Amino acid sequence: MKMASHQRGVGLIEVLVAMVILGVVVLGFAAMQMRAVGMTGDSYARSQAMSIAQDLVERMSVNYLSAGEYLSAYSGGAALTPLTTLANNCLTSTCTSAQLATFDIEQARYYAAALLPEGLVYIRRDAGASENIQVFVAWGGTNPVPGISDNACMTTSGTADLQMKVDANCVMIETPLVEVGP
């Protein structure tokens, strides 16, 4: 009597190879999902920062008679710290143009701190076009002040030439505002 030597079923090596391939595919999907979640968070932060900057630019446009007040009301060093409370509320009380400018900046700083991780706001007059004002909103450890520091959102070469850094977490809006007041 002769024994048949036909294999019936799957061998251990085939099962191990299939498990390794399945593991690599699952890890690939997990990595792709993590990347998508990270990109969604970055997109959310970027849209929030753009909304904050756009809101401040629109507020400056409404209060155009005191456009220069936004620069004088803004103290560079103090405004680079996150703001957690609003000192003055121009929504419920009457304010002068200068107080409204301070309130607008405080609101932008407050929303940056509340909606963004390490959110900061910076405003400056464009050195290249003196009638333009630039509004920077940065987050995630990025410094909104243009400069040569490693964490600055933009580099400067000269007084007005700005270049956005590749890994910077910031947005900038430039608006032409001409002060009409005294």
Protein backbone atom coordinates (compact mmCIF):
# COMPACT_ATOMS: atom_id res chain seq x y z
CA MET A 1 0.00 0.00 0.00
CA LYS A 2 1.36 3.32 -1.05
CA MET A 3 0.86 6.50 1.05
CA ALA A 4 -0.15 9.66 -0.73
CA SER A 5 1.98 12.64 0.20
CA HIS A 6 -0.30 15.47 -0.82
CA GLN A 7 -0.31 18.52 1.38
CA ARG A 8 -3.68 19.38 2.79
CA GLY A 9 -3.93 22.87 4.33
CA VAL A 10 -1.53 25.73 4.81
CA GLY A 11 1.98 25.40 6.10
CA LEU A 12 3.40 27.34 9.00
CA ILE A 13 5.74 29.37 6.79
CA GLU A 14 2.90 30.58 4.58
CA VAL A 15 0.90 31.65 7.64
CA LEU A 16 3.88 33.59 9.06
CA VAL A 17 4.53 35.38 5.75
CA ALA A 18 0.86 36.35 5.50
CA MET A 19 0.88 37.66 9.09
CA VAL A 20 4.01 39.76 8.42
CA ILE A 21 2.45 41.26 5.27
CA LEU A 22 -0.79 41.97 7.13
CA GLY A 23 1.16 43.61 9.99
CA VAL A 24 3.05 45.88 7.59
CA VAL A 25 -0.19 46.91 5.89
CA VAL A 26 -1.90 47.66 9.22
CA LEU A 27 1.09 49.71 10.39
CA GLY A 28 1.03 51.62 7.10
CA PHE A 29 -2.65 52.43 7.53
CA ALA A 30 -2.06 53.51 11.15
CA ALA A 31 0.81 55.81 10.11
CA MET A 32 -1.31 57.27 7.33
CA GLN A 33 -4.15 57.90 9.81
CA MET A 34 -1.79 59.61 12.28
CA ARG A 35 -0.45 61.84 9.51
CA ALA A 36 -3.99 62.78 8.48
CA VAL A 37 -4.88 63.68 12.09
CA GLY A 38 -1.73 65.82 12.35
CA MET A 39 -2.51 67.62 9.10
CA THR A 40 -6.06 68.27 10.26
CA GLY A 41 -4.74 69.88 13.45
CA ASP A 42 -2.31 72.04 11.47
CA SER A 43 -5.05 73.06 9.06
CA TYR A 44 -7.33 73.98 11.96
CA ALA A 45 -4.62 76.10 13.63
CA ARG A 46 -3.79 77.84 10.35
CA SER A 47 -7.45 78.69 9.67
CA GLN A 48 -7.91 79.99 13.24
CA ALA A 49 -4.77 82.14 12.94
CA MET A 50 -5.93 83.52 9.60
CA SER A 51 -9.35 84.33 11.08
CA ILE A 52 -7.74 86.17 14.02
CA ALA A 53 -5.46 88.18 11.71
CA GLN A 54 -8.28 88.97 9.29
CA ASP A 55 -10.54 90.05 12.15
CA LEU A 56 -7.88 92.44 13.46
CA VAL A 57 -7.28 93.88 9.99
CA GLU A 58 -11.01 94.46 9.56
CA ARG A 59 -11.19 96.13 12.98
CA MET A 60 -8.33 98.43 11.95
CA SER A 61 -10.18 99.26 8.75
CA VAL A 62 -13.31 100.20 10.68
CA ASN A 63 -11.30 102.38 13.08
CA TYR A 64 -9.24 103.87 10.22
CA LEU A 65 -9.24 107.39 11.67
CA SER A 66 -6.96 106.05 14.39
CA ALA A 67 -4.93 103.55 12.36
CA GLY A 68 -1.73 104.74 14.02
CA GLU A 69 -3.21 103.97 17.43
CA TYR A 70 -2.94 100.27 16.69
CA LEU A 71 0.81 100.65 16.50
CA SER A 72 1.12 103.00 19.47
CA ALA A 73 -1.36 100.99 21.59
CA TYR A 74 0.60 97.87 20.80
CA SER A 75 3.62 97.39 23.00
CA GLY A 76 5.83 94.82 21.30
CA GLY A 77 7.29 93.19 24.40
CA ALA A 78 4.07 92.97 26.40
CA ALA A 79 1.95 91.76 23.51
CA LEU A 80 4.23 88.81 22.86
CA THR A 81 2.88 87.17 26.00
CA PRO A 82 -0.47 85.38 25.74
CA LEU A 83 -3.40 87.37 27.11
CA THR A 84 -5.87 85.43 29.24
CA THR A 85 -8.25 88.22 30.36
CA LEU A 86 -9.55 91.41 28.76
CA ALA A 87 -8.95 94.58 30.81
CA ASN A 88 -11.33 96.91 28.97
CA ASN A 89 -14.58 95.97 27.24
CA CYS A 90 -15.58 98.33 24.43
CA LEU A 91 -18.57 96.12 23.62
CA THR A 92 -20.40 97.14 26.79
CA SER A 93 -18.96 100.62 27.40
CA THR A 94 -18.14 103.71 25.37
CA CYS A 95 -14.53 103.91 24.25
CA THR A 96 -12.34 106.43 22.48
CA SER A 97 -10.58 105.48 19.24
CA ALA A 98 -7.36 104.79 21.14
CA GLN A 99 -9.21 102.62 23.69
CA LEU A 100 -10.94 100.78 20.86
CA ALA A 101 -7.56 100.10 19.23
CA THR A 102 -6.22 98.71 22.52
CA PHE A 103 -9.37 96.63 22.98
CA ASP A 104 -9.13 95.23 19.44
CA ILE A 105 -5.52 94.20 19.98
CA GLU A 106 -6.34 92.68 23.38
CA GLN A 107 -9.13 90.67 21.79
CA ALA A 108 -6.82 89.39 19.05
CA ARG A 109 -4.23 88.40 21.67
CA TYR A 110 -6.91 86.76 23.81
CA TYR A 111 -8.30 84.70 20.93
CA ALA A 112 -4.80 83.70 19.83
CA ALA A 113 -4.04 82.45 23.35
CA ALA A 114 -7.42 80.71 23.67
CA LEU A 115 -7.68 79.07 20.24
CA LEU A 116 -4.06 78.29 19.37
CA PRO A 117 -1.33 76.42 21.23
CA GLU A 118 1.07 79.17 22.39
CA GLY A 119 -0.76 81.67 20.17
CA LEU A 120 0.85 85.12 19.81
CA VAL A 121 0.02 88.29 17.85
CA TYR A 122 2.46 90.88 16.53
CA ILE A 123 1.74 94.11 14.64
CA ARG A 124 4.25 96.34 12.91
CA ARG A 125 4.49 99.02 10.26
CA ASP A 126 6.00 97.64 7.07
CA ALA A 127 9.47 99.13 6.70
CA GLY A 128 9.27 99.00 2.91
CA ALA A 129 5.88 100.70 2.56
CA SER A 130 5.36 102.99 5.54
CA GLU A 131 1.59 103.21 5.03
CA ASN A 132 1.18 99.42 5.35
CA ILE A 133 0.61 97.56 8.59
CA GLN A 134 1.50 93.89 8.96
CA VAL A 135 -0.37 91.59 11.34
CA PHE A 136 1.36 88.35 12.35
CA VAL A 137 -0.30 85.48 14.24
CA ALA A 138 1.97 82.60 15.31
CA TRP A 139 1.49 79.42 17.33
CA GLY A 140 3.28 76.31 18.48
CA GLY A 141 6.46 78.01 19.71
CA THR A 142 6.98 80.13 16.61
CA ASN A 143 7.97 83.75 17.27
CA PRO A 144 5.77 86.12 15.24
CA VAL A 145 8.47 88.82 15.14
CA PRO A 146 10.38 88.59 11.84
CA GLY A 147 14.08 88.12 12.41
CA ILE A 148 17.01 85.79 12.38
CA SER A 149 16.12 83.68 15.44
CA ASP A 150 15.61 79.98 14.87
CA ASN A 151 11.94 80.09 15.85
CA ALA A 152 10.99 83.29 13.97
CA CYS A 153 8.20 82.84 11.45
CA MET A 154 9.97 84.94 8.82
CA THR A 155 13.51 85.90 8.07
CA THR A 156 14.55 89.41 7.23
CA SER A 157 17.33 90.50 4.94
CA GLY A 158 17.45 94.23 5.22
CA THR A 159 14.50 96.16 6.56
CA ALA A 160 11.59 95.04 4.41
CA ASP A 161 12.47 91.81 2.58
CA LEU A 162 10.52 89.02 4.32
CA GLN A 163 10.69 85.32 3.57
CA MET A 164 8.42 82.82 5.29
CA LYS A 165 10.33 79.97 6.94
CA VAL A 166 9.40 76.51 5.72
CA ASP A 167 8.41 75.01 9.09
CA ALA A 168 6.95 78.20 10.55
CA ASN A 169 3.60 78.12 12.28
CA CYS A 170 2.40 81.60 11.46
CA VAL A 171 0.34 83.70 9.09
CA MET A 172 0.80 87.32 8.04
CA ILE A 173 -1.66 89.79 6.55
CA GLU A 174 -0.55 93.14 5.26
CA THR A 175 -3.01 95.97 4.88
CA PRO A 176 -2.64 99.51 3.59
CA LEU A 177 -3.82 101.85 6.29
CA VAL A 178 -3.23 105.57 6.09
CA GLU A 179 -3.80 107.50 9.26
CA VAL A 180 -6.26 110.31 8.59
CA GLY A 181 -6.50 111.67 12.12
CA PRO A 182 -4.38 114.40 13.75
